[in-house]
Amino acid sequence: MFIIGPLKTEKFIQLIESQNTIGFKVDLKATKNDVKGEVEKLFSVKVADVRTCVTAKGEKHAFVKLAAGSKAEDIATKLKMA
């Protein structure tokens, strides 16, 4: 398991609504392909793009943009974010 949990700040909630992108805190050793595969497997969606960054706190965040047929809002609802 590379995904630690969803990111639930206002910024990430806005990304869900405006860009069909959902944010996760992930393991530092996780690659973009690891995150993509795990999101597609766990939530049965298609991923268009994954961007990652390491924060000043030493955490790794992944921004997962979903393909046109998939909705980030559905994942947020499953994770009880919305």
N, C-alpha and C. Protein backbone atom coordinates (compact mmCIF):
# COMPACT_ATOMS: atom_id res chain seq x y z
N MET A 1 0.85 -1.18 0.00
CA MET A 1 0.00 0.00 0.00
C MET A 1 0.89 1.24 0.00
N PHE A 2 0.73 2.05 -1.02
CA PHE A 2 1.50 3.28 -1.14
C PHE A 2 0.71 4.49 -0.67
N ILE A 3 -0.61 4.41 -0.73
CA ILE A 3 -1.45 5.54 -0.32
C ILE A 3 -1.65 5.48 1.19
N ILE A 4 -1.32 6.59 1.84
CA ILE A 4 -1.48 6.68 3.30
C ILE A 4 -2.87 7.20 3.63
N GLY A 5 -3.32 8.22 2.91
CA GLY A 5 -4.65 8.77 3.15
C GLY A 5 -4.94 9.95 2.24
N PRO A 6 -6.20 10.38 2.19
CA PRO A 6 -6.57 11.53 1.36
C PRO A 6 -6.18 12.84 2.04
N LEU A 7 -6.00 13.86 1.23
CA LEU A 7 -5.73 15.20 1.74
C LEU A 7 -7.05 15.96 1.75
N LYS A 8 -7.41 16.52 2.91
CA LYS A 8 -8.75 17.07 3.09
C LYS A 8 -8.78 18.57 3.35
N THR A 9 -7.82 19.32 2.84
CA THR A 9 -7.84 20.76 3.04
C THR A 9 -8.76 21.43 2.02
N GLU A 10 -9.03 22.71 2.24
CA GLU A 10 -9.89 23.44 1.30
C GLU A 10 -9.31 23.44 -0.11
N LYS A 11 -8.00 23.57 -0.20
CA LYS A 11 -7.34 23.59 -1.51
C LYS A 11 -7.63 22.30 -2.28
N PHE A 12 -7.54 21.17 -1.60
CA PHE A 12 -7.76 19.89 -2.27
C PHE A 12 -9.23 19.67 -2.59
N ILE A 13 -10.12 20.17 -1.76
CA ILE A 13 -11.56 20.07 -2.06
C ILE A 13 -11.87 20.88 -3.32
N GLN A 14 -11.24 22.05 -3.48
CA GLN A 14 -11.45 22.85 -4.69
C GLN A 14 -10.91 22.15 -5.93
N LEU A 15 -9.77 21.45 -5.79
CA LEU A 15 -9.22 20.71 -6.93
C LEU A 15 -10.16 19.60 -7.38
N ILE A 16 -10.83 18.97 -6.43
CA ILE A 16 -11.79 17.92 -6.77
C ILE A 16 -12.89 18.50 -7.65
N GLU A 17 -13.40 19.65 -7.26
CA GLU A 17 -14.52 20.26 -7.97
C GLU A 17 -14.12 20.90 -9.29
N SER A 18 -12.97 21.58 -9.31
CA SER A 18 -12.62 22.36 -10.50
C SER A 18 -11.79 21.61 -11.53
N GLN A 19 -10.90 20.68 -11.09
CA GLN A 19 -9.98 20.05 -12.03
C GLN A 19 -10.09 18.52 -12.07
N ASN A 20 -11.08 17.96 -11.39
CA ASN A 20 -11.25 16.50 -11.35
C ASN A 20 -9.98 15.81 -10.85
N THR A 21 -9.36 16.44 -9.84
CA THR A 21 -8.10 15.97 -9.27
C THR A 21 -8.27 15.74 -7.78
N ILE A 22 -7.73 14.65 -7.29
CA ILE A 22 -7.82 14.34 -5.86
C ILE A 22 -6.41 14.17 -5.30
N GLY A 23 -6.22 14.61 -4.08
CA GLY A 23 -4.89 14.57 -3.46
C GLY A 23 -4.78 13.48 -2.41
N PHE A 24 -3.62 12.85 -2.37
CA PHE A 24 -3.35 11.81 -1.38
C PHE A 24 -1.98 12.04 -0.74
N LYS A 25 -1.86 11.68 0.52
CA LYS A 25 -0.55 11.57 1.14
C LYS A 25 -0.08 10.16 0.83
N VAL A 26 1.15 10.04 0.30
CA VAL A 26 1.66 8.75 -0.13
C VAL A 26 3.01 8.46 0.52
N ASP A 27 3.42 7.21 0.43
CA ASP A 27 4.72 6.79 0.94
C ASP A 27 5.83 7.49 0.17
N LEU A 28 6.90 7.87 0.86
CA LEU A 28 8.01 8.57 0.22
C LEU A 28 8.65 7.76 -0.91
N LYS A 29 8.59 6.45 -0.84
CA LYS A 29 9.21 5.59 -1.85
C LYS A 29 8.29 5.32 -3.04
N ALA A 30 7.05 5.79 -2.99
CA ALA A 30 6.09 5.53 -4.06
C ALA A 30 6.43 6.32 -5.31
N THR A 31 6.36 5.66 -6.46
CA THR A 31 6.55 6.34 -7.74
C THR A 31 5.19 6.75 -8.29
N LYS A 32 5.20 7.55 -9.33
CA LYS A 32 3.95 7.96 -9.97
C LYS A 32 3.18 6.75 -10.49
N ASN A 33 3.89 5.79 -11.07
CA ASN A 33 3.23 4.59 -11.58
C ASN A 33 2.64 3.75 -10.45
N ASP A 34 3.32 3.70 -9.29
CA ASP A 34 2.77 2.99 -8.13
C ASP A 34 1.45 3.60 -7.70
N VAL A 35 1.42 4.93 -7.60
CA VAL A 35 0.22 5.64 -7.17
C VAL A 35 -0.89 5.45 -8.18
N LYS A 36 -0.56 5.59 -9.46
CA LYS A 36 -1.57 5.42 -10.53
C LYS A 36 -2.20 4.03 -10.46
N GLY A 37 -1.37 3.00 -10.38
CA GLY A 37 -1.88 1.63 -10.33
C GLY A 37 -2.76 1.38 -9.11
N GLU A 38 -2.35 1.90 -7.98
CA GLU A 38 -3.11 1.67 -6.76
C GLU A 38 -4.46 2.39 -6.79
N VAL A 39 -4.49 3.64 -7.28
CA VAL A 39 -5.75 4.38 -7.37
C VAL A 39 -6.70 3.68 -8.35
N GLU A 40 -6.18 3.25 -9.50
CA GLU A 40 -7.03 2.57 -10.48
C GLU A 40 -7.58 1.27 -9.92
N LYS A 41 -6.78 0.55 -9.16
CA LYS A 41 -7.21 -0.73 -8.59
C LYS A 41 -8.22 -0.53 -7.44
N LEU A 42 -7.92 0.40 -6.54
CA LEU A 42 -8.77 0.60 -5.36
C LEU A 42 -10.14 1.19 -5.71
N PHE A 43 -10.16 2.12 -6.66
CA PHE A 43 -11.40 2.87 -6.92
C PHE A 43 -12.03 2.57 -8.27
N SER A 44 -11.46 1.67 -9.06
CA SER A 44 -11.98 1.29 -10.38
C SER A 44 -12.21 2.51 -11.27
N VAL A 45 -11.19 3.35 -11.39
CA VAL A 45 -11.25 4.54 -12.23
C VAL A 45 -10.03 4.55 -13.16
N LYS A 46 -10.07 5.44 -14.14
CA LYS A 46 -8.93 5.64 -15.04
C LYS A 46 -8.21 6.93 -14.63
N VAL A 47 -6.90 6.86 -14.51
CA VAL A 47 -6.09 8.01 -14.12
C VAL A 47 -5.44 8.61 -15.36
N ALA A 48 -5.56 9.93 -15.52
CA ALA A 48 -4.96 10.62 -16.65
C ALA A 48 -3.55 11.07 -16.34
N ASP A 49 -3.30 11.54 -15.10
CA ASP A 49 -1.99 12.11 -14.78
C ASP A 49 -1.77 12.05 -13.27
N VAL A 50 -0.51 11.90 -12.88
CA VAL A 50 -0.14 11.93 -11.46
C VAL A 50 1.04 12.89 -11.31
N ARG A 51 0.90 13.84 -10.39
CA ARG A 51 2.00 14.74 -10.04
C ARG A 51 2.31 14.53 -8.57
N THR A 52 3.58 14.57 -8.22
CA THR A 52 3.97 14.38 -6.83
C THR A 52 4.87 15.52 -6.36
N CYS A 53 4.89 15.72 -5.06
CA CYS A 53 5.81 16.68 -4.47
C CYS A 53 6.11 16.25 -3.04
N VAL A 54 7.29 16.60 -2.57
CA VAL A 54 7.68 16.34 -1.19
C VAL A 54 7.60 17.67 -0.46
N THR A 55 6.86 17.69 0.65
CA THR A 55 6.66 18.93 1.40
C THR A 55 7.83 19.21 2.32
N ALA A 56 7.82 20.39 2.90
CA ALA A 56 8.88 20.77 3.84
C ALA A 56 8.85 19.91 5.10
N LYS A 57 7.70 19.33 5.40
CA LYS A 57 7.56 18.45 6.56
C LYS A 57 8.08 17.04 6.29
N GLY A 58 8.51 16.79 5.05
CA GLY A 58 9.03 15.48 4.69
C GLY A 58 7.95 14.49 4.28
N GLU A 59 6.77 15.00 3.95
CA GLU A 59 5.68 14.15 3.48
C GLU A 59 5.63 14.22 1.96
N LYS A 60 5.13 13.18 1.35
CA LYS A 60 4.97 13.17 -0.11
C LYS A 60 3.49 13.23 -0.44
N HIS A 61 3.12 14.17 -1.29
CA HIS A 61 1.74 14.32 -1.74
C HIS A 61 1.65 13.96 -3.21
N ALA A 62 0.55 13.32 -3.58
CA ALA A 62 0.30 12.98 -4.98
C ALA A 62 -1.01 13.64 -5.41
N PHE A 63 -0.96 14.32 -6.55
CA PHE A 63 -2.14 14.93 -7.15
C PHE A 63 -2.55 14.03 -8.30
N VAL A 64 -3.71 13.39 -8.19
CA VAL A 64 -4.14 12.41 -9.17
C VAL A 64 -5.29 12.99 -9.99
N LYS A 65 -5.01 13.27 -11.27
CA LYS A 65 -6.04 13.78 -12.18
C LYS A 65 -6.69 12.59 -12.87
N LEU A 66 -8.00 12.52 -12.77
CA LEU A 66 -8.73 11.40 -13.34
C LEU A 66 -9.11 11.66 -14.80
N ALA A 67 -9.25 10.59 -15.56
CA ALA A 67 -9.66 10.67 -16.96
C ALA A 67 -11.10 11.17 -17.05
N ALA A 68 -11.50 11.55 -18.24
CA ALA A 68 -12.80 12.18 -18.46
C ALA A 68 -13.98 11.35 -17.96
N GLY A 69 -13.94 10.04 -18.07
CA GLY A 69 -15.08 9.20 -17.66
C GLY A 69 -15.17 8.96 -16.17
N SER A 70 -14.19 9.37 -15.40
CA SER A 70 -14.15 9.14 -13.96
C SER A 70 -14.31 10.45 -13.22
N LYS A 71 -14.93 10.39 -12.04
CA LYS A 71 -15.17 11.61 -11.26
C LYS A 71 -14.46 11.54 -9.92
N ALA A 72 -13.69 12.58 -9.62
CA ALA A 72 -13.00 12.69 -8.34
C ALA A 72 -14.02 12.82 -7.20
N GLU A 73 -15.18 13.39 -7.49
CA GLU A 73 -16.22 13.54 -6.47
C GLU A 73 -16.69 12.18 -5.96
N ASP A 74 -16.74 11.18 -6.84
CA ASP A 74 -17.15 9.84 -6.43
C ASP A 74 -16.15 9.24 -5.44
N ILE A 75 -14.86 9.44 -5.69
CA ILE A 75 -13.84 8.94 -4.77
C ILE A 75 -13.93 9.69 -3.44
N ALA A 76 -14.13 11.00 -3.51
CA ALA A 76 -14.26 11.81 -2.29
C ALA A 76 -15.44 11.34 -1.45
N THR A 77 -16.53 10.98 -2.10
CA THR A 77 -17.70 10.48 -1.38
C THR A 77 -17.39 9.14 -0.72
N LYS A 78 -16.70 8.26 -1.42
CA LYS A 78 -16.31 6.96 -0.84
C LYS A 78 -15.40 7.14 0.37
N LEU A 79 -14.55 8.16 0.33
CA LEU A 79 -13.62 8.42 1.42
C LEU A 79 -14.21 9.33 2.48
N LYS A 80 -15.50 9.67 2.34
CA LYS A 80 -16.23 10.52 3.27
C LYS A 80 -15.58 11.89 3.44
N MET A 81 -15.15 12.45 2.30
CA MET A 81 -14.54 13.78 2.31
C MET A 81 -15.56 14.87 2.00
N ALA A 82 -16.59 14.51 1.27
CA ALA A 82 -17.56 15.54 0.85
C ALA A 82 -18.87 15.39 1.59
